[in-house]
Amino acid sequence: MVVLRFELGLAGVQAPCRVVYTIDEARRCGFAYGTLPGHPECGEEAFIVERGPNGVVTFSIRAFSRPASVLARYADPAGHWVQDLITNRYLRSAER
């Protein structure tokens, strides 16, 4: 189990998760994590790196989620903004 913490200004959100599967193949590797109770969302997110037959490497993020609480449901428009922000951080990190 891991507890991610997202800082949003003066507020912070804790997001407990666990790895639900890994991929370790010749041309593909990655992992996915699923949310645990206490996470504002309920869902999974996968990070996969794949080398195609032509040698081109791709990185993909696949996710699905829904609000896990009434508070998260009411904050849903802001939740989408936060998800976009976090995804953009993942992509910038992968570029390095």
PDB file of N, CA and C in Angstrom:
ATOM      1  N   MET A   1       0.845  -1.179   0.000  1.00  0.00           N
ATOM      2  CA  MET A   1       0.000   0.000   0.000  1.00  0.00           C
ATOM      3  C   MET A   1       0.887   1.238   0.000  1.00  0.00           C
ATOM      4  N   VAL A   2       0.418   2.267  -0.681  1.00  0.00           N
ATOM      5  CA  VAL A   2       1.086   3.563  -0.696  1.00  0.00           C
ATOM      6  C   VAL A   2       0.016   4.626  -0.499  1.00  0.00           C
ATOM      7  N   VAL A   3       0.372   5.684   0.201  1.00  0.00           N
ATOM      8  CA  VAL A   3      -0.547   6.804   0.369  1.00  0.00           C
ATOM      9  C   VAL A   3       0.060   7.998  -0.351  1.00  0.00           C
ATOM     10  N   LEU A   4      -0.555   8.353  -1.474  1.00  0.00           N
ATOM     11  CA  LEU A   4      -0.128   9.540  -2.210  1.00  0.00           C
ATOM     12  C   LEU A   4      -0.715  10.753  -1.516  1.00  0.00           C
ATOM     13  N   ARG A   5      -0.008  11.855  -1.596  1.00  0.00           N
ATOM     14  CA  ARG A   5      -0.525  13.099  -1.014  1.00  0.00           C
ATOM     15  C   ARG A   5      -0.405  14.182  -2.066  1.00  0.00           C
ATOM     16  N   PHE A   6      -1.516  14.801  -2.365  1.00  0.00           N
ATOM     17  CA  PHE A   6      -1.561  15.877  -3.347  1.00  0.00           C
ATOM     18  C   PHE A   6      -1.750  17.192  -2.621  1.00  0.00           C
ATOM     19  N   GLU A   7      -0.826  18.098  -2.828  1.00  0.00           N
ATOM     20  CA  GLU A   7      -0.917  19.424  -2.223  1.00  0.00           C
ATOM     21  C   GLU A   7      -1.696  20.328  -3.163  1.00  0.00           C
ATOM     22  N   LEU A   8      -2.749  20.925  -2.650  1.00  0.00           N
ATOM     23  CA  LEU A   8      -3.567  21.855  -3.414  1.00  0.00           C
ATOM     24  C   LEU A   8      -3.656  23.156  -2.628  1.00  0.00           C
ATOM     25  N   GLY A   9      -2.684  24.027  -2.860  1.00  0.00           N
ATOM     26  CA  GLY A   9      -2.640  25.262  -2.088  1.00  0.00           C
ATOM     27  C   GLY A   9      -2.351  24.941  -0.637  1.00  0.00           C
ATOM     28  N   LEU A  10      -3.214  25.416   0.248  1.00  0.00           N
ATOM     29  CA  LEU A  10      -3.039  25.151   1.675  1.00  0.00           C
ATOM     30  C   LEU A  10      -3.607  23.801   2.083  1.00  0.00           C
ATOM     31  N   ALA A  11      -4.398  23.202   1.207  1.00  0.00           N
ATOM     32  CA  ALA A  11      -5.024  21.921   1.522  1.00  0.00           C
ATOM     33  C   ALA A  11      -4.229  20.773   0.922  1.00  0.00           C
ATOM     34  N   GLY A  12      -4.334  19.635   1.532  1.00  0.00           N
ATOM     35  CA  GLY A  12      -3.711  18.429   1.012  1.00  0.00           C
ATOM     36  C   GLY A  12      -4.731  17.306   1.000  1.00  0.00           C
ATOM     37  N   VAL A  13      -4.621  16.438   0.027  1.00  0.00           N
ATOM     38  CA  VAL A  13      -5.530  15.302  -0.079  1.00  0.00           C
ATOM     39  C   VAL A  13      -4.704  14.027  -0.032  1.00  0.00           C
ATOM     40  N   GLN A  14      -5.082  13.116   0.854  1.00  0.00           N
ATOM     41  CA  GLN A  14      -4.403  11.828   0.910  1.00  0.00           C
ATOM     42  C   GLN A  14      -5.164  10.837   0.042  1.00  0.00           C
ATOM     43  N   ALA A  15      -4.400  10.000  -0.662  1.00  0.00           N
ATOM     44  CA  ALA A  15      -5.005   9.085  -1.619  1.00  0.00           C
ATOM     45  C   ALA A  15      -4.356   7.697  -1.498  1.00  0.00           C
ATOM     46  N   PRO A  16      -4.910   6.814  -0.663  1.00  0.00           N
ATOM     47  CA  PRO A  16      -4.337   5.482  -0.520  1.00  0.00           C
ATOM     48  C   PRO A  16      -4.583   4.619  -1.772  1.00  0.00           C
ATOM     49  N   CYS A  17      -3.543   3.890  -2.188  1.00  0.00           N
ATOM     50  CA  CYS A  17      -3.606   3.049  -3.385  1.00  0.00           C
ATOM     51  C   CYS A  17      -2.789   1.777  -3.163  1.00  0.00           C
ATOM     52  N   ARG A  18      -2.968   0.826  -4.082  1.00  0.00           N
ATOM     53  CA  ARG A  18      -2.121  -0.365  -4.083  1.00  0.00           C
ATOM     54  C   ARG A  18      -1.951  -0.823  -5.527  1.00  0.00           C
ATOM     55  N   VAL A  19      -0.833  -1.468  -5.808  1.00  0.00           N
ATOM     56  CA  VAL A  19      -0.587  -2.013  -7.138  1.00  0.00           C
ATOM     57  C   VAL A  19      -1.516  -3.213  -7.319  1.00  0.00           C
ATOM     58  N   VAL A  20      -2.273  -3.221  -8.423  1.00  0.00           N
ATOM     59  CA  VAL A  20      -3.220  -4.310  -8.657  1.00  0.00           C
ATOM     60  C   VAL A  20      -2.732  -5.286  -9.724  1.00  0.00           C
ATOM     61  N   TYR A  21      -1.815  -4.830 -10.607  1.00  0.00           N
ATOM     62  CA  TYR A  21      -1.164  -5.763 -11.526  1.00  0.00           C
ATOM     63  C   TYR A  21       0.075  -5.126 -12.125  1.00  0.00           C
ATOM     64  N   THR A  22       0.953  -5.985 -12.629  1.00  0.00           N
ATOM     65  CA  THR A  22       2.152  -5.535 -13.323  1.00  0.00           C
ATOM     66  C   THR A  22       2.218  -6.225 -14.683  1.00  0.00           C
ATOM     67  N   ILE A  23       2.934  -5.601 -15.601  1.00  0.00           N
ATOM     68  CA  ILE A  23       3.166  -6.174 -16.930  1.00  0.00           C
ATOM     69  C   ILE A  23       4.677  -6.264 -17.111  1.00  0.00           C
ATOM     70  N   ASP A  24       5.168  -7.446 -17.426  1.00  0.00           N
ATOM     71  CA  ASP A  24       6.598  -7.657 -17.644  1.00  0.00           C
ATOM     72  C   ASP A  24       6.755  -8.590 -18.842  1.00  0.00           C
ATOM     73  N   GLU A  25       6.643  -8.020 -20.018  1.00  0.00           N
ATOM     74  CA  GLU A  25       6.725  -8.783 -21.258  1.00  0.00           C
ATOM     75  C   GLU A  25       7.902  -8.280 -22.083  1.00  0.00           C
ATOM     76  N   ALA A  26       8.231  -8.990 -23.142  1.00  0.00           N
ATOM     77  CA  ALA A  26       9.387  -8.621 -23.969  1.00  0.00           C
ATOM     78  C   ALA A  26       9.276  -7.204 -24.523  1.00  0.00           C
ATOM     79  N   ARG A  27       8.121  -6.793 -24.995  1.00  0.00           N
ATOM     80  CA  ARG A  27       7.958  -5.484 -25.620  1.00  0.00           C
ATOM     81  C   ARG A  27       7.063  -4.528 -24.826  1.00  0.00           C
ATOM     82  N   ARG A  28       6.614  -4.974 -23.658  1.00  0.00           N
ATOM     83  CA  ARG A  28       5.669  -4.170 -22.890  1.00  0.00           C
ATOM     84  C   ARG A  28       5.927  -4.334 -21.405  1.00  0.00           C
ATOM     85  N   CYS A  29       5.920  -3.215 -20.679  1.00  0.00           N
ATOM     86  CA  CYS A  29       6.043  -3.284 -19.226  1.00  0.00           C
ATOM     87  C   CYS A  29       5.224  -2.165 -18.612  1.00  0.00           C
ATOM     88  N   GLY A  30       4.868  -2.339 -17.371  1.00  0.00           N
ATOM     89  CA  GLY A  30       4.098  -1.309 -16.688  1.00  0.00           C
ATOM     90  C   GLY A  30       3.440  -1.851 -15.445  1.00  0.00           C
ATOM     91  N   PHE A  31       2.567  -1.036 -14.899  1.00  0.00           N
ATOM     92  CA  PHE A  31       1.832  -1.423 -13.699  1.00  0.00           C
ATOM     93  C   PHE A  31       0.537  -0.634 -13.635  1.00  0.00           C
ATOM     94  N   ALA A  32      -0.345  -1.081 -12.771  1.00  0.00           N
ATOM     95  CA  ALA A  32      -1.588  -0.353 -12.502  1.00  0.00           C
ATOM     96  C   ALA A  32      -1.801  -0.309 -11.004  1.00  0.00           C
ATOM     97  N   TYR A  33      -2.379   0.784 -10.556  1.00  0.00           N
ATOM     98  CA  TYR A  33      -2.750   0.846  -9.153  1.00  0.00           C
ATOM     99  C   TYR A  33      -4.246   1.068  -9.049  1.00  0.00           C
ATOM    100  N   GLY A  34      -4.799   0.557  -7.973  1.00  0.00           N
ATOM    101  CA  GLY A  34      -6.213   0.743  -7.668  1.00  0.00           C
ATOM    102  C   GLY A  34      -6.341   1.547  -6.398  1.00  0.00           C
ATOM    103  N   THR A  35      -7.406   2.295  -6.310  1.00  0.00           N
ATOM    104  CA  THR A  35      -7.621   3.108  -5.119  1.00  0.00           C
ATOM    105  C   THR A  35      -8.108   2.233  -3.966  1.00  0.00           C
ATOM    106  N   LEU A  36      -7.861   2.701  -2.770  1.00  0.00           N
ATOM    107  CA  LEU A  36      -8.295   2.030  -1.541  1.00  0.00           C
ATOM    108  C   LEU A  36      -9.246   2.948  -0.786  1.00  0.00           C
ATOM    109  N   PRO A  37      -9.973   2.422   0.196  1.00  0.00           N
ATOM    110  CA  PRO A  37     -10.848   3.266   1.000  1.00  0.00           C
ATOM    111  C   PRO A  37     -10.071   4.463   1.564  1.00  0.00           C
ATOM    112  N   GLY A  38     -10.687   5.634   1.484  1.00  0.00           N
ATOM    113  CA  GLY A  38     -10.040   6.867   1.917  1.00  0.00           C
ATOM    114  C   GLY A  38      -9.561   7.709   0.752  1.00  0.00           C
ATOM    115  N   HIS A  39      -9.448   7.108  -0.436  1.00  0.00           N
ATOM    116  CA  HIS A  39      -9.080   7.847  -1.657  1.00  0.00           C
ATOM    117  C   HIS A  39     -10.324   8.604  -2.118  1.00  0.00           C
ATOM    118  N   PRO A  40     -10.183   9.838  -2.623  1.00  0.00           N
ATOM    119  CA  PRO A  40     -11.365  10.594  -3.052  1.00  0.00           C
ATOM    120  C   PRO A  40     -12.072   9.994  -4.271  1.00  0.00           C
ATOM    121  N   GLU A  41     -11.375   9.169  -5.029  1.00  0.00           N
ATOM    122  CA  GLU A  41     -11.958   8.509  -6.199  1.00  0.00           C
ATOM    123  C   GLU A  41     -11.932   7.003  -6.002  1.00  0.00           C
ATOM    124  N   CYS A  42     -12.728   6.301  -6.773  1.00  0.00           N
ATOM    125  CA  CYS A  42     -12.722   4.851  -6.789  1.00  0.00           C
ATOM    126  C   CYS A  42     -12.394   4.439  -8.218  1.00  0.00           C
ATOM    127  N   GLY A  43     -11.258   3.768  -8.426  1.00  0.00           N
ATOM    128  CA  GLY A  43     -10.899   3.379  -9.778  1.00  0.00           C
ATOM    129  C   GLY A  43      -9.499   2.820  -9.878  1.00  0.00           C
ATOM    130  N   GLU A  44      -9.001   2.781 -11.117  1.00  0.00           N
ATOM    131  CA  GLU A  44      -7.656   2.276 -11.395  1.00  0.00           C
ATOM    132  C   GLU A  44      -6.972   3.173 -12.413  1.00  0.00           C
ATOM    133  N   GLU A  45      -5.640   3.128 -12.390  1.00  0.00           N
ATOM    134  CA  GLU A  45      -4.838   3.862 -13.366  1.00  0.00           C
ATOM    135  C   GLU A  45      -3.640   2.993 -13.733  1.00  0.00           C
ATOM    136  N   ALA A  46      -3.406   2.846 -15.044  1.00  0.00           N
ATOM    137  CA  ALA A  46      -2.311   2.010 -15.541  1.00  0.00           C
ATOM    138  C   ALA A  46      -1.307   2.866 -16.302  1.00  0.00           C
ATOM    139  N   PHE A  47      -0.030   2.509 -16.165  1.00  0.00           N
ATOM    140  CA  PHE A  47       1.077   3.185 -16.841  1.00  0.00           C
ATOM    141  C   PHE A  47       1.826   2.116 -17.629  1.00  0.00           C
ATOM    142  N   ILE A  48       1.818   2.224 -18.950  1.00  0.00           N
ATOM    143  CA  ILE A  48       2.375   1.161 -19.791  1.00  0.00           C
ATOM    144  C   ILE A  48       3.351   1.749 -20.813  1.00  0.00           C
ATOM    145  N   VAL A  49       4.536   1.133 -20.899  1.00  0.00           N
ATOM    146  CA  VAL A  49       5.539   1.487 -21.906  1.00  0.00           C
ATOM    147  C   VAL A  49       5.617   0.308 -22.870  1.00  0.00           C
ATOM    148  N   GLU A  50       5.546   0.627 -24.166  1.00  0.00           N
ATOM    149  CA  GLU A  50       5.544  -0.431 -25.174  1.00  0.00           C
ATOM    150  C   GLU A  50       6.473  -0.071 -26.328  1.00  0.00           C
ATOM    151  N   ARG A  51       7.244  -1.058 -26.774  1.00  0.00           N
ATOM    152  CA  ARG A  51       8.104  -0.872 -27.947  1.00  0.00           C
ATOM    153  C   ARG A  51       7.465  -1.629 -29.103  1.00  0.00           C
ATOM    154  N   GLY A  52       7.089  -0.886 -30.138  1.00  0.00           N
ATOM    155  CA  GLY A  52       6.444  -1.495 -31.297  1.00  0.00           C
ATOM    156  C   GLY A  52       7.440  -2.241 -32.158  1.00  0.00           C
ATOM    157  N   PRO A  53       6.957  -3.016 -33.131  1.00  0.00           N
ATOM    158  CA  PRO A  53       7.840  -3.793 -34.004  1.00  0.00           C
ATOM    159  C   PRO A  53       8.791  -2.912 -34.818  1.00  0.00           C
ATOM    160  N   ASN A  54       8.413  -1.655 -35.010  1.00  0.00           N
ATOM    161  CA  ASN A  54       9.266  -0.713 -35.748  1.00  0.00           C
ATOM    162  C   ASN A  54      10.254   0.016 -34.837  1.00  0.00           C
ATOM    163  N   GLY A  55      10.268  -0.329 -33.541  1.00  0.00           N
ATOM    164  CA  GLY A  55      11.190   0.285 -32.597  1.00  0.00           C
ATOM    165  C   GLY A  55      10.668   1.534 -31.910  1.00  0.00           C
ATOM    166  N   VAL A  56       9.506   2.020 -32.309  1.00  0.00           N
ATOM    167  CA  VAL A  56       8.930   3.226 -31.691  1.00  0.00           C
ATOM    168  C   VAL A  56       8.414   2.878 -30.295  1.00  0.00           C
ATOM    169  N   VAL A  57       8.798   3.700 -29.324  1.00  0.00           N
ATOM    170  CA  VAL A  57       8.388   3.491 -27.936  1.00  0.00           C
ATOM    171  C   VAL A  57       7.219   4.416 -27.616  1.00  0.00           C
ATOM    172  N   THR A  58       6.181   3.854 -27.029  1.00  0.00           N
ATOM    173  CA  THR A  58       5.031   4.657 -26.611  1.00  0.00           C
ATOM    174  C   THR A  58       4.802   4.479 -25.120  1.00  0.00           C
ATOM    175  N   PHE A  59       4.276   5.527 -24.512  1.00  0.00           N
ATOM    176  CA  PHE A  59       3.923   5.521 -23.100  1.00  0.00           C
ATOM    177  C   PHE A  59       2.443   5.864 -23.023  1.00  0.00           C
ATOM    178  N   SER A  60       1.673   5.023 -22.370  1.00  0.00           N
ATOM    179  CA  SER A  60       0.251   5.315 -22.260  1.00  0.00           C
ATOM    180  C   SER A  60      -0.200   5.259 -20.812  1.00  0.00           C
ATOM    181  N   ILE A  61      -1.195   6.081 -20.537  1.00  0.00           N
ATOM    182  CA  ILE A  61      -1.840   6.111 -19.234  1.00  0.00           C
ATOM    183  C   ILE A  61      -3.310   5.799 -19.497  1.00  0.00           C
ATOM    184  N   ARG A  62      -3.810   4.792 -18.815  1.00  0.00           N
ATOM    185  CA  ARG A  62      -5.223   4.419 -18.946  1.00  0.00           C
ATOM    186  C   ARG A  62      -5.849   4.495 -17.563  1.00  0.00           C
ATOM    187  N   ALA A  63      -6.993   5.144 -17.493  1.00  0.00           N
ATOM    188  CA  ALA A  63      -7.608   5.334 -16.178  1.00  0.00           C
ATOM    189  C   ALA A  63      -9.123   5.296 -16.268  1.00  0.00           C
ATOM    190  N   PHE A  64      -9.720   4.864 -15.180  1.00  0.00           N
ATOM    191  CA  PHE A  64     -11.163   5.001 -15.008  1.00  0.00           C
ATOM    192  C   PHE A  64     -11.411   5.259 -13.538  1.00  0.00           C
ATOM    193  N   SER A  65     -12.396   6.085 -13.252  1.00  0.00           N
ATOM    194  CA  SER A  65     -12.706   6.396 -11.856  1.00  0.00           C
ATOM    195  C   SER A  65     -14.088   7.018 -11.750  1.00  0.00           C
ATOM    196  N   ARG A  66     -14.530   7.071 -10.517  1.00  0.00           N
ATOM    197  CA  ARG A  66     -15.770   7.767 -10.169  1.00  0.00           C
ATOM    198  C   ARG A  66     -15.577   8.313  -8.758  1.00  0.00           C
ATOM    199  N   PRO A  67     -16.322   9.336  -8.383  1.00  0.00           N
ATOM    200  CA  PRO A  67     -16.187   9.868  -7.027  1.00  0.00           C
ATOM    201  C   PRO A  67     -16.495   8.788  -5.990  1.00  0.00           C
ATOM    202  N   ALA A  68     -15.711   8.764  -4.920  1.00  0.00           N
ATOM    203  CA  ALA A  68     -15.873   7.733  -3.894  1.00  0.00           C
ATOM    204  C   ALA A  68     -16.703   8.198  -2.705  1.00  0.00           C
ATOM    205  N   SER A  69     -17.057   9.473  -2.667  1.00  0.00           N
ATOM    206  CA  SER A  69     -17.837   9.975  -1.537  1.00  0.00           C
ATOM    207  C   SER A  69     -18.775  11.079  -2.024  1.00  0.00           C
ATOM    208  N   VAL A  70     -19.705  11.446  -1.176  1.00  0.00           N
ATOM    209  CA  VAL A  70     -20.635  12.523  -1.511  1.00  0.00           C
ATOM    210  C   VAL A  70     -19.857  13.820  -1.725  1.00  0.00           C
ATOM    211  N   LEU A  71     -18.884  14.095  -0.869  1.00  0.00           N
ATOM    212  CA  LEU A  71     -18.075  15.309  -1.011  1.00  0.00           C
ATOM    213  C   LEU A  71     -17.345  15.312  -2.352  1.00  0.00           C
ATOM    214  N   ALA A  72     -16.756  14.191  -2.729  1.00  0.00           N
ATOM    215  CA  ALA A  72     -16.051  14.104  -4.009  1.00  0.00           C
ATOM    216  C   ALA A  72     -17.025  14.268  -5.170  1.00  0.00           C
ATOM    217  N   ARG A  73     -18.237  13.770  -5.032  1.00  0.00           N
ATOM    218  CA  ARG A  73     -19.243  13.902  -6.086  1.00  0.00           C
ATOM    219  C   ARG A  73     -19.606  15.378  -6.288  1.00  0.00           C
ATOM    220  N   TYR A  74     -19.772  16.120  -5.194  1.00  0.00           N
ATOM    221  CA  TYR A  74     -20.095  17.547  -5.311  1.00  0.00           C
ATOM    222  C   TYR A  74     -18.927  18.355  -5.860  1.00  0.00           C
ATOM    223  N   ALA A  75     -17.726  17.880  -5.612  1.00  0.00           N
ATOM    224  CA  ALA A  75     -16.519  18.570  -6.092  1.00  0.00           C
ATOM    225  C   ALA A  75     -16.093  18.056  -7.467  1.00  0.00           C
ATOM    226  N   ASP A  76     -16.955  17.272  -8.133  1.00  0.00           N
ATOM    227  CA  ASP A  76     -16.579  16.597  -9.373  1.00  0.00           C
ATOM    228  C   ASP A  76     -15.968  17.509 -10.442  1.00  0.00           C
ATOM    229  N   PRO A  77     -16.516  18.703 -10.728  1.00  0.00           N
ATOM    230  CA  PRO A  77     -15.853  19.550 -11.742  1.00  0.00           C
ATOM    231  C   PRO A  77     -14.406  19.880 -11.350  1.00  0.00           C
ATOM    232  N   ALA A  78     -14.174  20.166 -10.091  1.00  0.00           N
ATOM    233  CA  ALA A  78     -12.808  20.428  -9.629  1.00  0.00           C
ATOM    234  C   ALA A  78     -11.989  19.140  -9.669  1.00  0.00           C
ATOM    235  N   GLY A  79     -12.645  18.012  -9.422  1.00  0.00           N
ATOM    236  CA  GLY A  79     -11.961  16.726  -9.477  1.00  0.00           C
ATOM    237  C   GLY A  79     -11.402  16.434 -10.859  1.00  0.00           C
ATOM    238  N   HIS A  80     -12.160  16.782 -11.893  1.00  0.00           N
ATOM    239  CA  HIS A  80     -11.661  16.597 -13.268  1.00  0.00           C
ATOM    240  C   HIS A  80     -10.437  17.474 -13.515  1.00  0.00           C
ATOM    241  N   TRP A  81     -10.473  18.692 -13.013  1.00  0.00           N
ATOM    242  CA  TRP A  81      -9.341  19.604 -13.174  1.00  0.00           C
ATOM    243  C   TRP A  81      -8.105  19.024 -12.473  1.00  0.00           C
ATOM    244  N   VAL A  82      -8.287  18.496 -11.266  1.00  0.00           N
ATOM    245  CA  VAL A  82      -7.170  17.904 -10.511  1.00  0.00           C
ATOM    246  C   VAL A  82      -6.636  16.676 -11.249  1.00  0.00           C
ATOM    247  N   GLN A  83      -7.522  15.833 -11.783  1.00  0.00           N
ATOM    248  CA  GLN A  83      -7.068  14.656 -12.535  1.00  0.00           C
ATOM    249  C   GLN A  83      -6.243  15.077 -13.756  1.00  0.00           C
ATOM    250  N   ASP A  84      -6.691  16.111 -14.463  1.00  0.00           N
ATOM    251  CA  ASP A  84      -5.923  16.607 -15.616  1.00  0.00           C
ATOM    252  C   ASP A  84      -4.555  17.122 -15.181  1.00  0.00           C
ATOM    253  N   LEU A  85      -4.516  17.850 -14.079  1.00  0.00           N
ATOM    254  CA  LEU A  85      -3.263  18.383 -13.552  1.00  0.00           C
ATOM    255  C   LEU A  85      -2.290  17.247 -13.220  1.00  0.00           C
ATOM    256  N   ILE A  86      -2.775  16.224 -12.552  1.00  0.00           N
ATOM    257  CA  ILE A  86      -1.925  15.095 -12.157  1.00  0.00           C
ATOM    258  C   ILE A  86      -1.448  14.329 -13.388  1.00  0.00           C
ATOM    259  N   THR A  87      -2.337  14.102 -14.350  1.00  0.00           N
ATOM    260  CA  THR A  87      -1.942  13.402 -15.580  1.00  0.00           C
ATOM    261  C   THR A  87      -0.860  14.178 -16.315  1.00  0.00           C
ATOM    262  N   ASN A  88      -0.998  15.501 -16.390  1.00  0.00           N
ATOM    263  CA  ASN A  88       0.037  16.321 -17.038  1.00  0.00           C
ATOM    264  C   ASN A  88       1.363  16.227 -16.301  1.00  0.00           C
ATOM    265  N   ARG A  89       1.345  16.117 -14.993  1.00  0.00           N
ATOM    266  CA  ARG A  89       2.577  15.926 -14.224  1.00  0.00           C
ATOM    267  C   ARG A  89       3.220  14.578 -14.568  1.00  0.00           C
ATOM    268  N   TYR A  90       2.400  13.531 -14.673  1.00  0.00           N
ATOM    269  CA  TYR A  90       2.923  12.213 -15.059  1.00  0.00           C
ATOM    270  C   TYR A  90       3.597  12.302 -16.421  1.00  0.00           C
ATOM    271  N   LEU A  91       2.938  12.953 -17.381  1.00  0.00           N
ATOM    272  CA  LEU A  91       3.492  13.032 -18.738  1.00  0.00           C
ATOM    273  C   LEU A  91       4.787  13.844 -18.778  1.00  0.00           C
ATOM    274  N   ARG A  92       4.835  14.947 -18.023  1.00  0.00           N
ATOM    275  CA  ARG A  92       6.088  15.742 -17.977  1.00  0.00           C
ATOM    276  C   ARG A  92       7.221  14.919 -17.360  1.00  0.00           C
ATOM    277  N   SER A  93       6.907  14.134 -16.346  1.00  0.00           N
ATOM    278  CA  SER A  93       7.940  13.294 -15.722  1.00  0.00           C
ATOM    279  C   SER A  93       8.446  12.240 -16.691  1.00  0.00           C
ATOM    280  N   ALA A  94       7.554  11.686 -17.511  1.00  0.00           N
ATOM    281  CA  ALA A  94       7.950  10.656 -18.468  1.00  0.00           C
ATOM    282  C   ALA A  94       8.825  11.208 -19.584  1.00  0.00           C
ATOM    283  N   GLU A  95       8.720  12.512 -19.863  1.00  0.00           N
ATOM    284  CA  GLU A  95       9.524  13.129 -20.918  1.00  0.00           C
ATOM    285  C   GLU A  95      10.992  13.262 -20.517  1.00  0.00           C
ATOM    286  N   ARG A  96      11.284  13.242 -19.246  1.00  0.00           N
ATOM    287  CA  ARG A  96      12.639  13.478 -18.756  1.00  0.00           C
ATOM    288  C   ARG A  96      13.539  12.314 -18.975  1.00  0.00           C
TER     289      ARG A  96
END
